[in-house]
Amino acid sequence: MKAIHIAVDLGATRVRVAAGDGRGLRYRIVEETDRRHGPEGVARQIIRMIRTLEVEVEAIGVGSIGPLDLSRGCVINTPNLPFDEIPIVEPLEEAFGVEVRLLNDCSAAVLGEKHFGAGRGLRNLVYITLSTGLGGGAIVDGHLLLGKDGNAVEIGHLTIDPDSELICGCGCRGHWEAYCSGRNIPNYARLLLRDRGLGDGLLNQLTGGDPGRLTTELIFKAARMGDETALWIVDRIGFVNAVGFADVVNAYDPELITVGGSIALRNPRLILEPIEGYIDEYLINRKPRIMLTPLGDEAVLYGALALSLWGFS
């Protein structure tokens, strides 16, 4: 059997594993991320999923939630899984006897965009995910930005307001992720509604008049159906996103920003229109094109495949 490259997307909610080559992905498997068997259980889950593919493994690329410690090949102190440290590289190398390369998931995604997506031929590119968490990856002058530990573009932890009441999953006050990630949007919505209330429309009906029952899914569902209160909340989320996107443009000066993650992919108009509407107020650099990733929810997988095939270039 011809050896094949393996791509792994380790997320807070799901693990995706696929095999592929320079033409793209195949043989995909998706499972809920194992939270029950400790940090070592995550690596065992990935190993079992790869073996399920029944292929000879040439190399493995992993795009993972962060923060990372690349020197030790592990995830550390992630706010989105209940483990202090998750070993990745060493257990996979021991299991398969091949090289294993690890990147932050969004750094992997921007690499995937460069090789398989909308970023082909570009030297300055940013990928942003709006999902359970919020993160980014950047290629500047053709170079993937890594940083000393592999966490160079942790843009979800840019501070929007140091005096904010909102606490990020990492424990810090006022981070972008505390406002606009899927895990934290309900907290921001309740803060916004403190003096306004739920109104008397669909959002009120969906929650039974109880702000404590707000979820990200309910807010966007009501907004898609035209509820005025939900649309106002989504606009305020969009305003904060515009500030964050402007910070990214001012820091990295990209030609293109592609946007992924479940929140953006399911609600493209509600996410992108407010960003486009507010971003100019906060830019110093020329605005790049901003678009949904054509790689959909497989952007990290494509990046992990590119990482397995070609490394960090």
Protein backbone atom coordinates (compact mmCIF):
# COMPACT_ATOMS: atom_id res chain seq x y z
CA MET A 1 0.00 0.00 0.00
CA LYS A 2 1.31 3.44 -0.91
CA ALA A 3 2.07 5.58 2.15
CA ILE A 4 -0.25 8.54 2.60
CA HIS A 5 -0.26 11.77 4.57
CA ILE A 6 -2.52 12.26 7.59
CA ALA A 7 -4.27 15.48 8.64
CA VAL A 8 -5.68 16.01 12.14
CA ASP A 9 -7.89 18.86 13.34
CA LEU A 10 -8.04 18.79 17.15
CA GLY A 11 -10.85 21.06 18.30
CA ALA A 12 -12.52 21.72 21.61
CA THR A 13 -15.72 20.12 20.35
CA ARG A 14 -14.63 17.67 17.62
CA VAL A 15 -11.62 15.79 16.33
CA ARG A 16 -11.36 15.42 12.56
CA VAL A 17 -8.92 13.03 10.90
CA ALA A 18 -8.35 12.63 7.17
CA ALA A 19 -5.87 11.15 4.72
CA GLY A 20 -4.79 13.01 1.61
CA ASP A 21 -2.17 14.10 -0.87
CA GLY A 22 -1.30 17.18 -2.91
CA ARG A 23 -4.68 17.03 -4.61
CA GLY A 24 -6.65 17.26 -1.39
CA LEU A 25 -8.39 15.31 1.37
CA ARG A 26 -10.08 11.93 1.47
CA TYR A 27 -11.13 9.24 3.99
CA ARG A 28 -12.49 11.67 6.60
CA ILE A 29 -13.52 10.67 10.15
CA VAL A 30 -15.14 12.99 12.73
CA GLU A 31 -15.76 12.33 16.44
CA GLU A 32 -16.64 14.36 19.51
CA THR A 33 -13.46 15.28 21.40
CA ASP A 34 -12.85 12.85 24.27
CA ARG A 35 -13.04 14.77 27.56
CA ARG A 36 -13.60 11.72 29.76
CA HIS A 37 -10.27 9.91 29.77
CA GLY A 38 -7.81 12.63 30.71
CA PRO A 39 -5.26 14.41 28.52
CA GLU A 40 -3.64 11.18 27.36
CA GLY A 41 -7.05 10.04 26.17
CA VAL A 42 -7.07 12.74 23.51
CA ALA A 43 -3.91 11.37 21.87
CA ARG A 44 -5.25 7.82 22.16
CA GLN A 45 -8.42 8.93 20.41
CA ILE A 46 -6.43 10.45 17.52
CA ILE A 47 -4.28 7.31 17.23
CA ARG A 48 -7.37 5.08 17.12
CA MET A 49 -9.02 7.28 14.48
CA ILE A 50 -5.91 7.21 12.27
CA ARG A 51 -5.71 3.44 12.55
CA THR A 52 -9.36 3.21 11.54
CA LEU A 53 -8.35 4.65 8.15
CA GLU A 54 -6.28 1.50 7.51
CA VAL A 55 -3.57 3.29 5.53
CA GLU A 56 0.22 3.29 5.65
CA VAL A 57 1.20 6.60 7.21
CA GLU A 58 3.89 8.78 5.59
CA ALA A 59 3.69 11.77 7.96
CA ILE A 60 1.15 13.47 10.23
CA GLY A 61 0.17 17.12 10.45
CA VAL A 62 -1.90 18.34 13.40
CA GLY A 63 -3.78 21.62 13.68
CA SER A 64 -4.82 22.04 17.31
CA ILE A 65 -6.52 24.40 19.69
CA GLY A 66 -3.96 26.33 21.70
CA PRO A 67 -2.01 27.63 23.39
CA LEU A 68 0.83 25.34 22.36
CA ASP A 69 4.33 24.54 23.49
CA LEU A 70 5.89 23.55 20.16
CA SER A 71 9.22 22.63 21.75
CA ARG A 72 7.46 19.86 23.71
CA GLY A 73 4.78 19.13 21.14
CA CYS A 74 1.83 19.67 23.43
CA VAL A 75 -1.22 21.82 24.14
CA ILE A 76 -0.98 23.78 27.41
CA ASN A 77 -3.55 25.55 29.58
CA THR A 78 -6.20 25.67 26.88
CA PRO A 79 -9.35 27.50 28.03
CA ASN A 80 -11.55 25.18 25.97
CA LEU A 81 -10.65 21.72 27.34
CA PRO A 82 -10.36 20.77 31.05
CA PHE A 83 -6.70 19.68 30.92
CA ASP A 84 -3.52 21.58 31.86
CA GLU A 85 -1.37 19.79 29.27
CA ILE A 86 -2.25 17.53 26.33
CA PRO A 87 0.71 15.65 24.78
CA ILE A 88 0.35 15.33 21.00
CA VAL A 89 3.60 14.86 19.07
CA GLU A 90 5.39 12.24 21.19
CA PRO A 91 2.50 9.74 21.49
CA LEU A 92 1.72 9.97 17.77
CA GLU A 93 5.37 9.54 16.79
CA GLU A 94 5.65 6.52 19.09
CA ALA A 95 2.47 5.00 17.67
CA PHE A 96 3.32 5.41 13.97
CA GLY A 97 7.09 5.91 13.77
CA VAL A 98 6.78 8.92 11.43
CA GLU A 99 7.36 12.65 11.69
CA VAL A 100 4.53 14.53 13.38
CA ARG A 101 4.22 18.30 12.89
CA LEU A 102 2.03 20.44 15.16
CA LEU A 103 0.55 23.90 14.62
CA ASN A 104 -2.08 26.06 16.24
CA ASP A 105 -5.33 25.33 14.43
CA CYS A 106 -5.64 28.78 12.87
CA SER A 107 -1.99 28.82 11.84
CA ALA A 108 -2.69 25.50 10.15
CA ALA A 109 -5.82 26.95 8.53
CA VAL A 110 -3.98 29.89 7.00
CA LEU A 111 -1.42 27.41 5.63
CA GLY A 112 -4.31 25.44 4.15
CA GLU A 113 -5.70 28.61 2.63
CA LYS A 114 -2.33 29.33 1.05
CA HIS A 115 -1.99 25.88 -0.57
CA PHE A 116 -5.58 24.82 -1.23
CA GLY A 117 -7.86 27.83 -0.82
CA ALA A 118 -8.33 31.52 -1.60
CA GLY A 119 -4.77 32.45 -0.60
CA ARG A 120 -2.97 30.69 -3.43
CA GLY A 121 -0.42 33.07 -4.93
CA LEU A 122 -0.67 35.59 -2.06
CA ARG A 123 2.20 36.52 0.25
CA ASN A 124 0.18 38.35 2.93
CA LEU A 125 -2.81 36.47 4.27
CA VAL A 126 -4.78 36.13 7.51
CA TYR A 127 -7.32 33.50 8.55
CA ILE A 128 -9.75 34.20 11.41
CA THR A 129 -12.08 31.67 13.00
CA LEU A 130 -15.26 32.61 14.84
CA SER A 131 -16.33 29.41 16.55
CA THR A 132 -16.36 27.94 20.08
CA GLY A 133 -13.23 30.03 20.52
CA LEU A 134 -11.78 32.85 18.44
CA GLY A 135 -8.36 32.74 16.82
CA GLY A 136 -6.21 33.60 13.84
CA GLY A 137 -3.26 32.66 11.70
CA ALA A 138 -1.07 34.94 9.57
CA ILE A 139 1.36 34.69 6.68
CA VAL A 140 3.40 37.88 6.26
CA ASP A 141 5.76 38.36 3.29
CA GLY A 142 5.36 34.66 2.54
CA HIS A 143 6.36 33.54 6.06
CA LEU A 144 4.02 31.72 8.43
CA LEU A 145 4.15 33.50 11.79
CA LEU A 146 4.87 31.08 14.65
CA GLY A 147 6.43 32.85 17.64
CA LYS A 148 8.66 31.37 20.31
CA ASP A 149 6.08 28.78 21.45
CA GLY A 150 3.84 28.60 18.37
CA ASN A 151 1.27 31.14 19.59
CA ALA A 152 2.14 34.23 17.54
CA VAL A 153 -1.38 35.07 16.35
CA GLU A 154 -3.58 34.41 19.41
CA ILE A 155 -5.82 37.27 18.34
CA GLY A 156 -8.78 36.02 20.37
CA HIS A 157 -6.86 37.30 23.36
CA LEU A 158 -6.44 40.83 22.10
CA THR A 159 -7.92 43.11 24.73
CA ILE A 160 -11.01 45.01 23.62
CA ASP A 161 -11.67 46.67 27.00
CA PRO A 162 -9.40 46.19 30.03
CA ASP A 163 -12.19 47.39 32.32
CA SER A 164 -14.83 45.06 30.87
CA GLU A 165 -17.07 42.96 33.09
CA LEU A 166 -16.59 40.07 30.67
CA ILE A 167 -13.99 37.46 31.61
CA CYS A 168 -12.40 35.33 28.89
CA GLY A 169 -12.11 31.55 29.28
CA CYS A 170 -8.38 32.11 29.85
CA GLY A 171 -9.21 34.17 32.96
CA CYS A 172 -8.31 37.60 31.57
CA ARG A 173 -10.69 40.53 31.43
CA GLY A 174 -12.09 42.04 28.24
CA HIS A 175 -10.51 39.82 25.58
CA TRP A 176 -12.08 39.72 22.10
CA GLU A 177 -12.97 36.06 22.69
CA ALA A 178 -14.95 37.06 25.77
CA TYR A 179 -17.30 39.02 23.51
CA CYS A 180 -17.55 37.18 20.22
CA SER A 181 -16.77 33.47 20.60
CA GLY A 182 -19.57 30.94 20.56
CA ARG A 183 -18.89 30.05 24.18
CA ASN A 184 -19.09 33.65 25.36
CA ILE A 185 -21.61 35.46 23.13
CA PRO A 186 -24.47 34.72 25.57
CA ASN A 187 -22.54 36.49 28.35
CA TYR A 188 -22.07 39.55 26.16
CA ALA A 189 -25.73 39.44 25.11
CA ARG A 190 -26.90 39.39 28.73
CA LEU A 191 -24.65 42.36 29.46
CA LEU A 192 -26.12 44.25 26.51
CA LEU A 193 -29.69 43.42 27.57
CA ARG A 194 -29.28 44.44 31.19
CA ASP A 195 -30.98 47.80 30.65
CA ARG A 196 -32.96 46.93 27.53
CA GLY A 197 -34.55 43.53 28.11
CA LEU A 198 -35.41 40.82 25.61
CA GLY A 199 -38.26 42.75 23.99
CA ASP A 200 -41.50 41.03 23.05
CA GLY A 201 -40.44 39.28 19.83
CA LEU A 202 -39.11 35.89 18.82
CA LEU A 203 -36.02 35.95 21.01
CA ASN A 204 -38.24 36.49 24.04
CA GLN A 205 -40.39 33.53 22.96
CA LEU A 206 -37.42 31.25 22.32
CA THR A 207 -36.00 31.91 25.79
CA GLY A 208 -39.31 32.02 27.65
CA GLY A 209 -38.40 35.54 28.71
CA ASP A 210 -35.33 34.29 30.63
CA PRO A 211 -31.97 35.82 29.54
CA GLY A 212 -30.27 32.97 31.36
CA ARG A 213 -31.50 30.65 28.58
CA LEU A 214 -29.81 32.62 25.82
CA THR A 215 -27.48 30.63 23.59
CA THR A 216 -25.45 31.68 20.59
CA GLU A 217 -27.61 29.46 18.39
CA LEU A 218 -30.86 31.05 19.63
CA ILE A 219 -29.53 34.58 19.14
CA PHE A 220 -28.52 33.96 15.53
CA LYS A 221 -31.65 31.93 14.79
CA ALA A 222 -33.83 34.82 15.95
CA ALA A 223 -31.69 37.31 14.01
CA ARG A 224 -32.02 35.28 10.81
CA MET A 225 -35.80 35.41 11.33
CA GLY A 226 -35.78 39.19 11.75
CA ASP A 227 -36.15 39.64 15.51
CA GLU A 228 -35.21 43.26 16.29
CA THR A 229 -33.53 42.54 19.62
CA ALA A 230 -31.48 39.68 18.18
CA LEU A 231 -30.47 41.80 15.19
CA TRP A 232 -29.32 44.55 17.55
CA ILE A 233 -27.23 42.05 19.57
CA VAL A 234 -25.70 40.67 16.37
CA ASP A 235 -24.90 44.22 15.24
CA ARG A 236 -23.09 44.89 18.55
CA ILE A 237 -21.17 41.62 18.14
CA GLY A 238 -20.30 42.75 14.63
CA PHE A 239 -19.03 46.08 15.94
CA VAL A 240 -16.62 44.34 18.32
CA ASN A 241 -15.55 42.00 15.54
CA ALA A 242 -14.87 45.02 13.32
CA VAL A 243 -12.58 46.47 15.99
CA GLY A 244 -10.77 43.14 16.24
CA PHE A 245 -10.46 42.78 12.46
CA ALA A 246 -9.11 46.33 12.25
CA ASP A 247 -6.48 45.49 14.87
CA VAL A 248 -5.48 42.49 12.77
CA VAL A 249 -5.23 44.58 9.58
CA ASN A 250 -3.21 47.24 11.37
CA ALA A 251 -0.84 44.62 12.82
CA TYR A 252 -0.31 42.30 9.81
CA ASP A 253 -1.34 44.34 6.73
CA PRO A 254 -2.81 41.37 4.79
CA GLU A 255 -4.02 41.32 1.20
CA LEU A 256 -6.86 38.99 2.19
CA ILE A 257 -8.63 37.87 5.35
CA THR A 258 -10.57 34.63 5.11
CA VAL A 259 -13.09 33.84 7.81
CA GLY A 260 -14.10 30.42 9.07
CA GLY A 261 -15.60 28.77 12.11
CA SER A 262 -19.14 27.60 12.69
CA ILE A 263 -20.59 30.99 13.64
CA ALA A 264 -19.35 32.67 10.46
CA LEU A 265 -20.07 29.75 8.15
CA ARG A 266 -23.66 29.42 9.37
CA ASN A 267 -24.36 33.16 9.43
CA PRO A 268 -22.23 34.76 6.70
CA ARG A 269 -24.32 37.89 6.12
CA LEU A 270 -24.92 38.55 9.82
CA ILE A 271 -21.20 38.24 10.53
CA LEU A 272 -19.58 39.92 7.53
CA GLU A 273 -21.90 42.88 6.94
CA PRO A 274 -21.33 44.56 10.34
CA ILE A 275 -17.57 44.04 10.02
CA GLU A 276 -17.59 45.71 6.61
CA GLY A 277 -19.83 48.45 7.98
CA TYR A 278 -17.70 49.43 10.98
CA ILE A 279 -14.10 48.45 10.20
CA ASP A 280 -13.13 51.63 8.31
CA GLU A 281 -13.50 53.69 11.50
CA TYR A 282 -10.57 51.84 13.07
CA LEU A 283 -8.17 51.20 10.19
CA ILE A 284 -4.85 52.88 9.56
CA ASN A 285 -3.77 50.36 6.88
CA ARG A 286 -5.57 49.84 3.56
CA LYS A 287 -8.53 47.51 3.96
CA PRO A 288 -8.00 44.04 2.48
CA ARG A 289 -10.61 41.82 0.93
CA ILE A 290 -12.61 39.98 3.61
CA MET A 291 -14.45 36.78 2.67
CA LEU A 292 -15.60 33.40 3.97
CA THR A 293 -13.04 30.67 3.49
CA PRO A 294 -13.86 28.46 0.49
CA LEU A 295 -12.49 25.54 2.51
CA GLY A 296 -15.52 25.63 4.82
CA ASP A 297 -15.25 23.71 8.08
CA GLU A 298 -12.25 21.77 6.73
CA ALA A 299 -9.84 24.70 6.64
CA VAL A 300 -7.81 23.35 9.57
CA LEU A 301 -7.77 19.86 8.04
CA TYR A 302 -6.46 21.25 4.76
CA GLY A 303 -3.81 23.14 6.72
CA ALA A 304 -2.82 20.03 8.63
CA LEU A 305 -2.51 18.20 5.32
CA ALA A 306 -0.31 20.99 3.91
CA LEU A 307 1.77 20.80 7.09
CA SER A 308 2.22 17.05 6.68
CA LEU A 309 3.11 17.41 2.99
CA TRP A 310 5.29 20.51 2.92
CA GLY A 311 6.06 21.57 6.48
CA PHE A 312 5.76 25.16 7.63
CA SER A 313 6.36 26.77 4.23
